[in-house]
Amino acid sequence: MKQERKKQAVALRYQAETDVSPKVVAKGKGYIAEELIAKAKENDVPIQEDPSLVEMLAQLEVNQAIPPELYEVVAEVFSFIYKIDQHQK
């Protein structure tokens, strides 16, 4: 029987004026992940689903900057979000 995995969510922030690199600002599993996703939707925050990236980011602490080895993949996520924002304007 296949065991169902708990949903995970990680929220990132990058503010060029204050942040050296993107950092984890919230994370959770199960109910907490569902709440993070619901809050993001309520506030029109774009959501990108990438289970393998979430798995790696979930190992970081809240307020911890992402490691250099994740810069490229996270940059792709932010680029995707930027394009969505520009398209919606």
PDB file of N, CA and C in Angstrom:
ATOM      1  N   MET A   1       0.846  -1.180   0.000  1.00  0.00           N
ATOM      2  CA  MET A   1       0.000   0.000   0.000  1.00  0.00           C
ATOM      3  C   MET A   1       0.889   1.241   0.000  1.00  0.00           C
ATOM      4  N   LYS A   2       0.580   2.176  -0.873  1.00  0.00           N
ATOM      5  CA  LYS A   2       1.372   3.392  -0.997  1.00  0.00           C
ATOM      6  C   LYS A   2       1.037   4.359   0.134  1.00  0.00           C
ATOM      7  N   GLN A   3       2.090   4.825   0.807  1.00  0.00           N
ATOM      8  CA  GLN A   3       1.890   5.776   1.887  1.00  0.00           C
ATOM      9  C   GLN A   3       1.811   7.187   1.308  1.00  0.00           C
ATOM     10  N   GLU A   4       0.785   7.933   1.688  1.00  0.00           N
ATOM     11  CA  GLU A   4       0.618   9.290   1.186  1.00  0.00           C
ATOM     12  C   GLU A   4       1.562  10.221   1.933  1.00  0.00           C
ATOM     13  N   ARG A   5       2.290  11.049   1.171  1.00  0.00           N
ATOM     14  CA  ARG A   5       3.229  11.984   1.773  1.00  0.00           C
ATOM     15  C   ARG A   5       2.483  13.228   2.225  1.00  0.00           C
ATOM     16  N   LYS A   6       2.918  13.776   3.352  1.00  0.00           N
ATOM     17  CA  LYS A   6       2.337  15.024   3.830  1.00  0.00           C
ATOM     18  C   LYS A   6       2.733  16.157   2.898  1.00  0.00           C
ATOM     19  N   LYS A   7       1.790  17.035   2.649  1.00  0.00           N
ATOM     20  CA  LYS A   7       2.069  18.209   1.821  1.00  0.00           C
ATOM     21  C   LYS A   7       3.079  19.088   2.552  1.00  0.00           C
ATOM     22  N   GLN A   8       4.004  19.661   1.795  1.00  0.00           N
ATOM     23  CA  GLN A   8       4.996  20.585   2.336  1.00  0.00           C
ATOM     24  C   GLN A   8       4.916  21.901   1.577  1.00  0.00           C
ATOM     25  N   ALA A   9       5.262  22.977   2.259  1.00  0.00           N
ATOM     26  CA  ALA A   9       5.310  24.287   1.609  1.00  0.00           C
ATOM     27  C   ALA A   9       6.461  25.088   2.203  1.00  0.00           C
ATOM     28  N   VAL A  10       7.094  25.870   1.345  1.00  0.00           N
ATOM     29  CA  VAL A  10       8.173  26.760   1.767  1.00  0.00           C
ATOM     30  C   VAL A  10       7.936  28.108   1.097  1.00  0.00           C
ATOM     31  N   ALA A  11       8.003  29.168   1.886  1.00  0.00           N
ATOM     32  CA  ALA A  11       7.858  30.522   1.347  1.00  0.00           C
ATOM     33  C   ALA A  11       9.229  31.183   1.317  1.00  0.00           C
ATOM     34  N   LEU A  12       9.532  31.803   0.178  1.00  0.00           N
ATOM     35  CA  LEU A  12      10.806  32.494   0.004  1.00  0.00           C
ATOM     36  C   LEU A  12      10.571  33.988  -0.147  1.00  0.00           C
ATOM     37  N   ARG A  13      11.599  34.753   0.217  1.00  0.00           N
ATOM     38  CA  ARG A  13      11.551  36.198   0.015  1.00  0.00           C
ATOM     39  C   ARG A  13      12.894  36.636  -0.540  1.00  0.00           C
ATOM     40  N   TYR A  14      12.833  37.590  -1.454  1.00  0.00           N
ATOM     41  CA  TYR A  14      14.059  38.236  -1.911  1.00  0.00           C
ATOM     42  C   TYR A  14      13.759  39.698  -2.164  1.00  0.00           C
ATOM     43  N   GLN A  15      14.408  40.549  -1.391  1.00  0.00           N
ATOM     44  CA  GLN A  15      14.302  41.989  -1.586  1.00  0.00           C
ATOM     45  C   GLN A  15      15.708  42.490  -1.889  1.00  0.00           C
ATOM     46  N   ALA A  16      15.920  42.904  -3.117  1.00  0.00           N
ATOM     47  CA  ALA A  16      17.259  43.282  -3.577  1.00  0.00           C
ATOM     48  C   ALA A  16      17.907  44.348  -2.695  1.00  0.00           C
ATOM     49  N   GLU A  17      17.100  45.236  -2.132  1.00  0.00           N
ATOM     50  CA  GLU A  17      17.639  46.320  -1.308  1.00  0.00           C
ATOM     51  C   GLU A  17      18.201  45.824   0.020  1.00  0.00           C
ATOM     52  N   THR A  18      17.649  44.745   0.556  1.00  0.00           N
ATOM     53  CA  THR A  18      18.037  44.311   1.902  1.00  0.00           C
ATOM     54  C   THR A  18      18.595  42.896   1.982  1.00  0.00           C
ATOM     55  N   ASP A  19      18.262  42.038   1.041  1.00  0.00           N
ATOM     56  CA  ASP A  19      18.679  40.636   1.111  1.00  0.00           C
ATOM     57  C   ASP A  19      19.861  40.371   0.187  1.00  0.00           C
ATOM     58  N   VAL A  20      20.859  39.662   0.714  1.00  0.00           N
ATOM     59  CA  VAL A  20      22.002  39.254  -0.100  1.00  0.00           C
ATOM     60  C   VAL A  20      21.562  38.171  -1.083  1.00  0.00           C
ATOM     61  N   SER A  21      20.703  37.281  -0.611  1.00  0.00           N
ATOM     62  CA  SER A  21      20.152  36.212  -1.450  1.00  0.00           C
ATOM     63  C   SER A  21      18.760  35.876  -0.934  1.00  0.00           C
ATOM     64  N   PRO A  22      17.979  35.120  -1.709  1.00  0.00           N
ATOM     65  CA  PRO A  22      16.654  34.723  -1.223  1.00  0.00           C
ATOM     66  C   PRO A  22      16.770  33.946   0.086  1.00  0.00           C
ATOM     67  N   LYS A  23      15.743  34.072   0.913  1.00  0.00           N
ATOM     68  CA  LYS A  23      15.758  33.320   2.161  1.00  0.00           C
ATOM     69  C   LYS A  23      14.386  32.739   2.451  1.00  0.00           C
ATOM     70  N   VAL A  24      14.394  31.708   3.273  1.00  0.00           N
ATOM     71  CA  VAL A  24      13.168  31.046   3.702  1.00  0.00           C
ATOM     72  C   VAL A  24      12.501  31.934   4.749  1.00  0.00           C
ATOM     73  N   VAL A  25      11.238  32.280   4.530  1.00  0.00           N
ATOM     74  CA  VAL A  25      10.523  33.106   5.506  1.00  0.00           C
ATOM     75  C   VAL A  25       9.412  32.342   6.214  1.00  0.00           C
ATOM     76  N   ALA A  26       9.051  31.178   5.689  1.00  0.00           N
ATOM     77  CA  ALA A  26       8.056  30.323   6.341  1.00  0.00           C
ATOM     78  C   ALA A  26       8.156  28.936   5.731  1.00  0.00           C
ATOM     79  N   LYS A  27       7.807  27.934   6.525  1.00  0.00           N
ATOM     80  CA  LYS A  27       7.777  26.566   6.008  1.00  0.00           C
ATOM     81  C   LYS A  27       6.884  25.732   6.903  1.00  0.00           C
ATOM     82  N   GLY A  28       6.391  24.633   6.349  1.00  0.00           N
ATOM     83  CA  GLY A  28       5.557  23.754   7.148  1.00  0.00           C
ATOM     84  C   GLY A  28       5.161  22.504   6.397  1.00  0.00           C
ATOM     85  N   LYS A  29       4.643  21.552   7.160  1.00  0.00           N
ATOM     86  CA  LYS A  29       4.141  20.290   6.610  1.00  0.00           C
ATOM     87  C   LYS A  29       2.696  20.111   7.042  1.00  0.00           C
ATOM     88  N   GLY A  30       1.974  19.331   6.270  1.00  0.00           N
ATOM     89  CA  GLY A  30       0.598  18.993   6.635  1.00  0.00           C
ATOM     90  C   GLY A  30      -0.286  20.220   6.741  1.00  0.00           C
ATOM     91  N   TYR A  31      -0.934  20.368   7.900  1.00  0.00           N
ATOM     92  CA  TYR A  31      -1.870  21.468   8.125  1.00  0.00           C
ATOM     93  C   TYR A  31      -1.200  22.828   7.942  1.00  0.00           C
ATOM     94  N   ILE A  32       0.018  22.972   8.455  1.00  0.00           N
ATOM     95  CA  ILE A  32       0.720  24.251   8.339  1.00  0.00           C
ATOM     96  C   ILE A  32       0.992  24.574   6.873  1.00  0.00           C
ATOM     97  N   ALA A  33       1.378  23.577   6.096  1.00  0.00           N
ATOM     98  CA  ALA A  33       1.592  23.781   4.660  1.00  0.00           C
ATOM     99  C   ALA A  33       0.299  24.228   3.986  1.00  0.00           C
ATOM    100  N   GLU A  34      -0.797  23.581   4.339  1.00  0.00           N
ATOM    101  CA  GLU A  34      -2.099  23.964   3.767  1.00  0.00           C
ATOM    102  C   GLU A  34      -2.430  25.418   4.100  1.00  0.00           C
ATOM    103  N   GLU A  35      -2.143  25.837   5.339  1.00  0.00           N
ATOM    104  CA  GLU A  35      -2.408  27.216   5.750  1.00  0.00           C
ATOM    105  C   GLU A  35      -1.516  28.207   5.000  1.00  0.00           C
ATOM    106  N   LEU A  36      -0.239  27.865   4.825  1.00  0.00           N
ATOM    107  CA  LEU A  36       0.666  28.731   4.062  1.00  0.00           C
ATOM    108  C   LEU A  36       0.158  28.922   2.637  1.00  0.00           C
ATOM    109  N   ILE A  37      -0.262  27.834   2.021  1.00  0.00           N
ATOM    110  CA  ILE A  37      -0.769  27.891   0.650  1.00  0.00           C
ATOM    111  C   ILE A  37      -2.053  28.715   0.587  1.00  0.00           C
ATOM    112  N   ALA A  38      -2.943  28.513   1.551  1.00  0.00           N
ATOM    113  CA  ALA A  38      -4.197  29.274   1.590  1.00  0.00           C
ATOM    114  C   ALA A  38      -3.922  30.767   1.744  1.00  0.00           C
ATOM    115  N   LYS A  39      -2.997  31.132   2.642  1.00  0.00           N
ATOM    116  CA  LYS A  39      -2.655  32.547   2.848  1.00  0.00           C
ATOM    117  C   LYS A  39      -2.039  33.145   1.583  1.00  0.00           C
ATOM    118  N   ALA A  40      -1.197  32.377   0.923  1.00  0.00           N
ATOM    119  CA  ALA A  40      -0.592  32.855  -0.324  1.00  0.00           C
ATOM    120  C   ALA A  40      -1.680  33.142  -1.355  1.00  0.00           C
ATOM    121  N   LYS A  41      -2.622  32.221  -1.495  1.00  0.00           N
ATOM    122  CA  LYS A  41      -3.713  32.415  -2.457  1.00  0.00           C
ATOM    123  C   LYS A  41      -4.565  33.626  -2.098  1.00  0.00           C
ATOM    124  N   GLU A  42      -4.872  33.788  -0.795  1.00  0.00           N
ATOM    125  CA  GLU A  42      -5.670  34.930  -0.338  1.00  0.00           C
ATOM    126  C   GLU A  42      -5.010  36.257  -0.692  1.00  0.00           C
ATOM    127  N   ASN A  43      -3.690  36.267  -0.664  1.00  0.00           N
ATOM    128  CA  ASN A  43      -2.930  37.499  -0.889  1.00  0.00           C
ATOM    129  C   ASN A  43      -2.346  37.595  -2.296  1.00  0.00           C
ATOM    130  N   ASP A  44      -2.861  36.758  -3.202  1.00  0.00           N
ATOM    131  CA  ASP A  44      -2.408  36.751  -4.600  1.00  0.00           C
ATOM    132  C   ASP A  44      -0.898  36.577  -4.744  1.00  0.00           C
ATOM    133  N   VAL A  45      -0.319  35.769  -3.862  1.00  0.00           N
ATOM    134  CA  VAL A  45       1.102  35.439  -3.956  1.00  0.00           C
ATOM    135  C   VAL A  45       1.219  34.244  -4.896  1.00  0.00           C
ATOM    136  N   PRO A  46       2.023  34.369  -5.944  1.00  0.00           N
ATOM    137  CA  PRO A  46       2.167  33.248  -6.884  1.00  0.00           C
ATOM    138  C   PRO A  46       2.714  32.001  -6.190  1.00  0.00           C
ATOM    139  N   ILE A  47       2.233  30.853  -6.633  1.00  0.00           N
ATOM    140  CA  ILE A  47       2.657  29.569  -6.068  1.00  0.00           C
ATOM    141  C   ILE A  47       3.280  28.743  -7.179  1.00  0.00           C
ATOM    142  N   GLN A  48       4.459  28.238  -6.908  1.00  0.00           N
ATOM    143  CA  GLN A  48       5.168  27.365  -7.849  1.00  0.00           C
ATOM    144  C   GLN A  48       5.313  26.009  -7.173  1.00  0.00           C
ATOM    145  N   GLU A  49       4.843  24.957  -7.814  1.00  0.00           N
ATOM    146  CA  GLU A  49       4.954  23.614  -7.248  1.00  0.00           C
ATOM    147  C   GLU A  49       6.187  22.917  -7.807  1.00  0.00           C
ATOM    148  N   ASP A  50       7.077  22.528  -6.905  1.00  0.00           N
ATOM    149  CA  ASP A  50       8.290  21.802  -7.274  1.00  0.00           C
ATOM    150  C   ASP A  50       8.689  20.953  -6.067  1.00  0.00           C
ATOM    151  N   PRO A  51       8.154  19.730  -5.980  1.00  0.00           N
ATOM    152  CA  PRO A  51       8.385  18.895  -4.794  1.00  0.00           C
ATOM    153  C   PRO A  51       9.853  18.681  -4.444  1.00  0.00           C
ATOM    154  N   SER A  52      10.712  18.498  -5.431  1.00  0.00           N
ATOM    155  CA  SER A  52      12.121  18.259  -5.108  1.00  0.00           C
ATOM    156  C   SER A  52      12.781  19.520  -4.545  1.00  0.00           C
ATOM    157  N   LEU A  53      12.420  20.693  -5.070  1.00  0.00           N
ATOM    158  CA  LEU A  53      12.963  21.939  -4.535  1.00  0.00           C
ATOM    159  C   LEU A  53      12.443  22.183  -3.122  1.00  0.00           C
ATOM    160  N   VAL A  54      11.157  21.948  -2.908  1.00  0.00           N
ATOM    161  CA  VAL A  54      10.582  22.122  -1.572  1.00  0.00           C
ATOM    162  C   VAL A  54      11.287  21.209  -0.575  1.00  0.00           C
ATOM    163  N   GLU A  55      11.569  19.990  -0.985  1.00  0.00           N
ATOM    164  CA  GLU A  55      12.268  19.041  -0.111  1.00  0.00           C
ATOM    165  C   GLU A  55      13.619  19.607   0.328  1.00  0.00           C
ATOM    166  N   MET A  56      14.359  20.194  -0.600  1.00  0.00           N
ATOM    167  CA  MET A  56      15.672  20.773  -0.266  1.00  0.00           C
ATOM    168  C   MET A  56      15.526  22.024   0.601  1.00  0.00           C
ATOM    169  N   LEU A  57      14.582  22.894   0.235  1.00  0.00           N
ATOM    170  CA  LEU A  57      14.396  24.133   0.984  1.00  0.00           C
ATOM    171  C   LEU A  57      13.859  23.882   2.390  1.00  0.00           C
ATOM    172  N   ALA A  58      13.087  22.823   2.563  1.00  0.00           N
ATOM    173  CA  ALA A  58      12.514  22.505   3.872  1.00  0.00           C
ATOM    174  C   ALA A  58      13.586  22.137   4.892  1.00  0.00           C
ATOM    175  N   GLN A  59      14.767  21.790   4.429  1.00  0.00           N
ATOM    176  CA  GLN A  59      15.865  21.463   5.340  1.00  0.00           C
ATOM    177  C   GLN A  59      16.498  22.715   5.951  1.00  0.00           C
ATOM    178  N   LEU A  60      16.207  23.876   5.372  1.00  0.00           N
ATOM    179  CA  LEU A  60      16.746  25.134   5.881  1.00  0.00           C
ATOM    180  C   LEU A  60      15.884  25.645   7.025  1.00  0.00           C
ATOM    181  N   GLU A  61      16.464  26.511   7.838  1.00  0.00           N
ATOM    182  CA  GLU A  61      15.731  27.141   8.930  1.00  0.00           C
ATOM    183  C   GLU A  61      15.031  28.400   8.414  1.00  0.00           C
ATOM    184  N   VAL A  62      13.974  28.817   9.100  1.00  0.00           N
ATOM    185  CA  VAL A  62      13.299  30.067   8.766  1.00  0.00           C
ATOM    186  C   VAL A  62      14.308  31.204   8.969  1.00  0.00           C
ATOM    187  N   ASN A  63      14.316  32.148   8.057  1.00  0.00           N
ATOM    188  CA  ASN A  63      15.238  33.288   7.995  1.00  0.00           C
ATOM    189  C   ASN A  63      16.638  32.918   7.526  1.00  0.00           C
ATOM    190  N   GLN A  64      16.836  31.670   7.116  1.00  0.00           N
ATOM    191  CA  GLN A  64      18.133  31.254   6.587  1.00  0.00           C
ATOM    192  C   GLN A  64      18.171  31.513   5.085  1.00  0.00           C
ATOM    193  N   ALA A  65      19.278  32.083   4.622  1.00  0.00           N
ATOM    194  CA  ALA A  65      19.468  32.318   3.190  1.00  0.00           C
ATOM    195  C   ALA A  65      19.658  30.983   2.483  1.00  0.00           C
ATOM    196  N   ILE A  66      19.209  30.927   1.244  1.00  0.00           N
ATOM    197  CA  ILE A  66      19.396  29.690   0.484  1.00  0.00           C
ATOM    198  C   ILE A  66      20.883  29.519   0.172  1.00  0.00           C
ATOM    199  N   PRO A  67      21.356  28.287   0.070  1.00  0.00           N
ATOM    200  CA  PRO A  67      22.767  28.059  -0.249  1.00  0.00           C
ATOM    201  C   PRO A  67      23.049  28.346  -1.727  1.00  0.00           C
ATOM    202  N   PRO A  68      24.306  28.689  -2.040  1.00  0.00           N
ATOM    203  CA  PRO A  68      24.665  29.022  -3.427  1.00  0.00           C
ATOM    204  C   PRO A  68      24.287  27.947  -4.444  1.00  0.00           C
ATOM    205  N   GLU A  69      24.311  26.683  -4.054  1.00  0.00           N
ATOM    206  CA  GLU A  69      23.980  25.620  -5.012  1.00  0.00           C
ATOM    207  C   GLU A  69      22.511  25.644  -5.441  1.00  0.00           C
ATOM    208  N   LEU A  70      21.662  26.389  -4.730  1.00  0.00           N
ATOM    209  CA  LEU A  70      20.251  26.504  -5.122  1.00  0.00           C
ATOM    210  C   LEU A  70      19.943  27.822  -5.833  1.00  0.00           C
ATOM    211  N   TYR A  71      20.936  28.694  -5.978  1.00  0.00           N
ATOM    212  CA  TYR A  71      20.702  29.999  -6.607  1.00  0.00           C
ATOM    213  C   TYR A  71      20.058  29.871  -7.986  1.00  0.00           C
ATOM    214  N   GLU A  72      20.597  29.005  -8.815  1.00  0.00           N
ATOM    215  CA  GLU A  72      20.114  28.917 -10.196  1.00  0.00           C
ATOM    216  C   GLU A  72      18.656  28.468 -10.265  1.00  0.00           C
ATOM    217  N   VAL A  73      18.315  27.419  -9.539  1.00  0.00           N
ATOM    218  CA  VAL A  73      16.939  26.907  -9.600  1.00  0.00           C
ATOM    219  C   VAL A  73      15.960  27.896  -8.965  1.00  0.00           C
ATOM    220  N   VAL A  74      16.365  28.549  -7.875  1.00  0.00           N
ATOM    221  CA  VAL A  74      15.490  29.539  -7.246  1.00  0.00           C
ATOM    222  C   VAL A  74      15.357  30.770  -8.148  1.00  0.00           C
ATOM    223  N   ALA A  75      16.419  31.129  -8.844  1.00  0.00           N
ATOM    224  CA  ALA A  75      16.338  32.242  -9.799  1.00  0.00           C
ATOM    225  C   ALA A  75      15.319  31.936 -10.891  1.00  0.00           C
ATOM    226  N   GLU A  76      15.255  30.683 -11.323  1.00  0.00           N
ATOM    227  CA  GLU A  76      14.262  30.285 -12.326  1.00  0.00           C
ATOM    228  C   GLU A  76      12.847  30.450 -11.783  1.00  0.00           C
ATOM    229  N   VAL A  77      12.648  30.111 -10.509  1.00  0.00           N
ATOM    230  CA  VAL A  77      11.328  30.262  -9.882  1.00  0.00           C
ATOM    231  C   VAL A  77      10.954  31.741  -9.819  1.00  0.00           C
ATOM    232  N   PHE A  78      11.887  32.579  -9.355  1.00  0.00           N
ATOM    233  CA  PHE A  78      11.602  34.010  -9.275  1.00  0.00           C
ATOM    234  C   PHE A  78      11.366  34.611 -10.660  1.00  0.00           C
ATOM    235  N   SER A  79      12.074  34.132 -11.664  1.00  0.00           N
ATOM    236  CA  SER A  79      11.868  34.594 -13.038  1.00  0.00           C
ATOM    237  C   SER A  79      10.465  34.233 -13.516  1.00  0.00           C
ATOM    238  N   PHE A  80      10.036  33.010 -13.219  1.00  0.00           N
ATOM    239  CA  PHE A  80       8.692  32.551 -13.567  1.00  0.00           C
ATOM    240  C   PHE A  80       7.640  33.448 -12.908  1.00  0.00           C
ATOM    241  N   ILE A  81       7.839  33.738 -11.627  1.00  0.00           N
ATOM    242  CA  ILE A  81       6.891  34.577 -10.886  1.00  0.00           C
ATOM    243  C   ILE A  81       6.870  35.995 -11.461  1.00  0.00           C
ATOM    244  N   TYR A  82       8.037  36.524 -11.790  1.00  0.00           N
ATOM    245  CA  TYR A  82       8.125  37.863 -12.377  1.00  0.00           C
ATOM    246  C   TYR A  82       7.341  37.927 -13.683  1.00  0.00           C
ATOM    247  N   LYS A  83       7.483  36.895 -14.511  1.00  0.00           N
ATOM    248  CA  LYS A  83       6.761  36.859 -15.790  1.00  0.00           C
ATOM    249  C   LYS A  83       5.252  36.817 -15.566  1.00  0.00           C
ATOM    250  N   ILE A  84       4.810  36.057 -14.579  1.00  0.00           N
ATOM    251  CA  ILE A  84       3.382  36.005 -14.251  1.00  0.00           C
ATOM    252  C   ILE A  84       2.902  37.386 -13.826  1.00  0.00           C
ATOM    253  N   ASP A  85       3.670  38.040 -12.932  1.00  0.00           N
ATOM    254  CA  ASP A  85       3.298  39.378 -12.468  1.00  0.00           C
ATOM    255  C   ASP A  85       3.192  40.361 -13.625  1.00  0.00           C
ATOM    256  N   GLN A  86       4.135  40.318 -14.545  1.00  0.00           N
ATOM    257  CA  GLN A  86       4.129  41.233 -15.685  1.00  0.00           C
ATOM    258  C   GLN A  86       2.945  40.961 -16.608  1.00  0.00           C
ATOM    259  N   HIS A  87       2.604  39.695 -16.771  1.00  0.00           N
ATOM    260  CA  HIS A  87       1.488  39.311 -17.634  1.00  0.00           C
ATOM    261  C   HIS A  87       0.152  39.763 -17.042  1.00  0.00           C
ATOM    262  N   GLN A  88       0.048  39.766 -15.706  1.00  0.00           N
ATOM    263  CA  GLN A  88      -1.202  40.131 -15.045  1.00  0.00           C
ATOM    264  C   GLN A  88      -1.424  41.633 -14.999  1.00  0.00           C
ATOM    265  N   LYS A  89      -0.388  42.414 -15.262  1.00  0.00           N
ATOM    266  CA  LYS A  89      -0.525  43.884 -15.201  1.00  0.00           C
ATOM    267  C   LYS A  89      -1.167  44.440 -16.446  1.00  0.00           C
TER     268      LYS A  89
END
